[in-house]
Every structure is written in C-alpha cells, then in structure tokens.
Amino acid sequence: MKRMSILVCGLAVLTSGSQLARAQDSLESDLNTRLGKASTHSSNEVKANEMMRGKVTYSGIAVQFLKTDNLLQLFNPFAPAKYGSAVDNTIEDPGTGKPRAWKLFSIQF
C-alpha cells in the first residue's frame, strides 16, 4: 500500500513538471511573437509619453500627464495600450537592464 501511494505521488510530481515546462515554452513563444510584432513598428511613431516639435522630442511623465485625456488611466495597471507603458518612463541601468529611475522630463535633439 505504501509503495502504491509513493508511486502515485511520484507520477503526479513528474506530470506536473512536464506541464509546467510546456506552459513555460508556450509563454516564451508568446513573448517572442509579441517582441517580433513590436520590432516591426516604425521608429517615427510618437509614443503616449512623447511630443515632437520640429526636430526636438520631449518625453517623460510630465508630457504624458499633459497629453492624456483621462489622468486616472496613468495609474491603472490594466489601462489600454493607447495610454502607454510604464517602461517608457523609466531609465534603465546599462549594466543590469533593470529600471533605476523615473524619467520626469526629457529633451532629445
């Protein structure tokens, strides 16, 4: 009886591990598909946190605050894509790639 219960528990662990691996592969392929679609967009598109005046581009949280029609959507983690991503307003550490600061206002020439 003990051997049978150990065998059943062992099989349950093995099958759950394989299902986890399949789910992870599915998530990776979904991520690769999304990244591929994101890279096909042209660089001339103006993001939700950017404003172009001639050859000068202004960006950051302050610009997004001025451009948005619904301020509460800036704090909503489930906001539609037209309100932009929080990653657009961060400055990443070049060594680690992790966000280290918020971009309040930026000017590019």
C-alpha atoms as a PDB file:
ATOM      1  CA  MET A   1       0.000   0.000   0.000  1.00  0.00           C
ATOM      2  CA  LYS A   2       2.845   2.379   0.862  1.00  0.00           C
ATOM      3  CA  ARG A   3       4.612   1.589  -2.397  1.00  0.00           C
ATOM      4  CA  MET A   4       1.477   2.317  -4.377  1.00  0.00           C
ATOM      5  CA  SER A   5       0.965   5.726  -2.719  1.00  0.00           C
ATOM      6  CA  ILE A   6       4.645   6.633  -3.252  1.00  0.00           C
ATOM      7  CA  LEU A   7       4.363   5.616  -6.900  1.00  0.00           C
ATOM      8  CA  VAL A   8       1.213   7.707  -7.409  1.00  0.00           C
ATOM      9  CA  CYS A   9       2.788  10.746  -5.733  1.00  0.00           C
ATOM     10  CA  GLY A  10       5.940  10.359  -7.829  1.00  0.00           C
ATOM     11  CA  LEU A  11       3.928  10.180 -11.054  1.00  0.00           C
ATOM     12  CA  ALA A  12       1.925  13.240 -10.032  1.00  0.00           C
ATOM     13  CA  VAL A  13       5.130  15.214  -9.473  1.00  0.00           C
ATOM     14  CA  LEU A  14       6.568  14.120 -12.836  1.00  0.00           C
ATOM     15  CA  THR A  15       3.444  15.016 -14.805  1.00  0.00           C
ATOM     16  CA  SER A  16       3.099  18.413 -13.135  1.00  0.00           C
ATOM     17  CA  GLY A  17       6.736  19.170 -14.015  1.00  0.00           C
ATOM     18  CA  SER A  18       6.153  18.380 -17.685  1.00  0.00           C
ATOM     19  CA  GLN A  19       3.023  20.529 -17.768  1.00  0.00           C
ATOM     20  CA  LEU A  20       4.990  23.412 -16.246  1.00  0.00           C
ATOM     21  CA  ALA A  21       7.689  23.032 -18.913  1.00  0.00           C
ATOM     22  CA  ARG A  22       5.057  23.102 -21.693  1.00  0.00           C
ATOM     23  CA  ALA A  23       3.449  26.197 -20.181  1.00  0.00           C
ATOM     24  CA  GLN A  24       6.834  27.914 -19.951  1.00  0.00           C
ATOM     25  CA  ASP A  25       7.595  27.072 -23.608  1.00  0.00           C
ATOM     26  CA  SER A  26       4.210  28.484 -24.570  1.00  0.00           C
ATOM     27  CA  LEU A  27       4.898  31.704 -22.651  1.00  0.00           C
ATOM     28  CA  GLU A  28       8.316  32.054 -24.289  1.00  0.00           C
ATOM     29  CA  SER A  29       6.893  31.612 -27.777  1.00  0.00           C
ATOM     30  CA  ASP A  30       4.132  34.117 -26.994  1.00  0.00           C
ATOM     31  CA  LEU A  31       6.745  36.605 -25.761  1.00  0.00           C
ATOM     32  CA  ASN A  32       8.847  36.108 -28.900  1.00  0.00           C
ATOM     33  CA  THR A  33       5.783  36.709 -31.067  1.00  0.00           C
ATOM     34  CA  ARG A  34       4.944  39.921 -29.236  1.00  0.00           C
ATOM     35  CA  LEU A  35       8.531  41.159 -29.427  1.00  0.00           C
ATOM     36  CA  GLY A  36       8.573  40.431 -33.146  1.00  0.00           C
ATOM     37  CA  LYS A  37       5.417  42.490 -33.657  1.00  0.00           C
ATOM     38  CA  ALA A  38       6.799  45.326 -31.538  1.00  0.00           C
ATOM     39  CA  SER A  39      10.006  45.500 -33.558  1.00  0.00           C
ATOM     40  CA  THR A  40       8.104  45.872 -36.851  1.00  0.00           C
ATOM     41  CA  HIS A  41       6.662  49.240 -35.825  1.00  0.00           C
ATOM     42  CA  SER A  42       8.437  52.208 -37.324  1.00  0.00           C
ATOM     43  CA  SER A  43      10.596  54.418 -35.159  1.00  0.00           C
ATOM     44  CA  ASN A  44       8.706  57.503 -36.374  1.00  0.00           C
ATOM     45  CA  GLU A  45       5.652  56.673 -34.271  1.00  0.00           C
ATOM     46  CA  VAL A  46       5.023  59.054 -31.410  1.00  0.00           C
ATOM     47  CA  LYS A  47       4.502  57.239 -28.111  1.00  0.00           C
ATOM     48  CA  ALA A  48       1.974  58.246 -25.459  1.00  0.00           C
ATOM     49  CA  ASN A  49       4.715  59.948 -23.449  1.00  0.00           C
ATOM     50  CA  GLU A  50       6.336  61.822 -26.360  1.00  0.00           C
ATOM     51  CA  MET A  51       5.683  65.138 -28.078  1.00  0.00           C
ATOM     52  CA  MET A  52       7.547  66.281 -31.208  1.00  0.00           C
ATOM     53  CA  ARG A  53       8.103  69.927 -32.125  1.00  0.00           C
ATOM     54  CA  GLY A  54      10.210  70.151 -35.262  1.00  0.00           C
ATOM     55  CA  LYS A  55      13.392  68.146 -34.677  1.00  0.00           C
ATOM     56  CA  VAL A  56      13.060  68.253 -30.897  1.00  0.00           C
ATOM     57  CA  THR A  57      11.330  65.443 -28.994  1.00  0.00           C
ATOM     58  CA  TYR A  58      10.013  65.964 -25.471  1.00  0.00           C
ATOM     59  CA  SER A  59       9.183  62.919 -23.386  1.00  0.00           C
ATOM     60  CA  GLY A  60       8.582  61.745 -19.836  1.00  0.00           C
ATOM     61  CA  ILE A  61       5.903  61.574 -17.197  1.00  0.00           C
ATOM     62  CA  ALA A  62       5.145  65.318 -17.395  1.00  0.00           C
ATOM     63  CA  VAL A  63       4.487  65.137 -21.149  1.00  0.00           C
ATOM     64  CA  GLN A  64       2.284  62.071 -20.749  1.00  0.00           C
ATOM     65  CA  PHE A  65       0.389  63.857 -17.979  1.00  0.00           C
ATOM     66  CA  LEU A  66      -0.307  66.795 -20.330  1.00  0.00           C
ATOM     67  CA  LYS A  67      -1.298  64.637 -23.320  1.00  0.00           C
ATOM     68  CA  THR A  68      -3.673  62.182 -21.658  1.00  0.00           C
ATOM     69  CA  ASP A  69      -7.430  62.619 -21.655  1.00  0.00           C
ATOM     70  CA  ASN A  70      -8.053  60.514 -18.523  1.00  0.00           C
ATOM     71  CA  LEU A  71      -5.478  61.015 -15.761  1.00  0.00           C
ATOM     72  CA  LEU A  72      -6.650  58.010 -13.751  1.00  0.00           C
ATOM     73  CA  GLN A  73      -5.582  55.677 -16.563  1.00  0.00           C
ATOM     74  CA  LEU A  74      -1.945  56.652 -15.902  1.00  0.00           C
ATOM     75  CA  PHE A  75      -2.190  54.842 -12.558  1.00  0.00           C
ATOM     76  CA  ASN A  76      -4.217  51.902 -13.866  1.00  0.00           C
ATOM     77  CA  PRO A  77      -2.035  48.819 -14.425  1.00  0.00           C
ATOM     78  CA  PHE A  78      -4.715  47.384 -16.763  1.00  0.00           C
ATOM     79  CA  ALA A  79      -5.095  50.543 -18.883  1.00  0.00           C
ATOM     80  CA  PRO A  80      -5.422  50.184 -22.665  1.00  0.00           C
ATOM     81  CA  ALA A  81      -2.266  50.364 -24.795  1.00  0.00           C
ATOM     82  CA  LYS A  82      -3.070  53.881 -26.018  1.00  0.00           C
ATOM     83  CA  TYR A  83      -2.087  55.215 -22.571  1.00  0.00           C
ATOM     84  CA  GLY A  84       1.437  53.826 -22.950  1.00  0.00           C
ATOM     85  CA  SER A  85       3.587  51.594 -20.806  1.00  0.00           C
ATOM     86  CA  ALA A  86       5.279  52.355 -17.508  1.00  0.00           C
ATOM     87  CA  VAL A  87       8.543  51.119 -19.014  1.00  0.00           C
ATOM     88  CA  ASP A  88       8.538  54.102 -21.384  1.00  0.00           C
ATOM     89  CA  ASN A  89       9.021  56.425 -18.407  1.00  0.00           C
ATOM     90  CA  THR A  90      11.925  54.612 -16.750  1.00  0.00           C
ATOM     91  CA  ILE A  91      15.666  54.888 -17.107  1.00  0.00           C
ATOM     92  CA  GLU A  92      17.436  51.543 -17.094  1.00  0.00           C
ATOM     93  CA  ASP A  93      20.792  50.692 -15.593  1.00  0.00           C
ATOM     94  CA  PRO A  94      23.046  49.823 -18.563  1.00  0.00           C
ATOM     95  CA  GLY A  95      24.810  47.046 -16.672  1.00  0.00           C
ATOM     96  CA  THR A  96      21.823  45.137 -15.342  1.00  0.00           C
ATOM     97  CA  GLY A  97      18.995  46.369 -17.565  1.00  0.00           C
ATOM     98  CA  LYS A  98      16.791  46.932 -14.519  1.00  0.00           C
ATOM     99  CA  PRO A  99      14.889  50.199 -14.097  1.00  0.00           C
ATOM    100  CA  ARG A 100      16.667  52.548 -11.711  1.00  0.00           C
ATOM    101  CA  ALA A 101      14.897  55.924 -12.075  1.00  0.00           C
ATOM    102  CA  TRP A 102      11.796  57.641 -13.420  1.00  0.00           C
ATOM    103  CA  LYS A 103      12.028  59.971 -16.376  1.00  0.00           C
ATOM    104  CA  LEU A 104      10.068  63.074 -15.385  1.00  0.00           C
ATOM    105  CA  PHE A 105      11.058  65.210 -18.384  1.00  0.00           C
ATOM    106  CA  SER A 106      13.485  64.603 -21.234  1.00  0.00           C
ATOM    107  CA  ILE A 107      14.536  66.540 -24.340  1.00  0.00           C
ATOM    108  CA  GLN A 108      16.109  64.904 -27.406  1.00  0.00           C
ATOM    109  CA  PHE A 109      17.595  66.858 -30.305  1.00  0.00           C
END
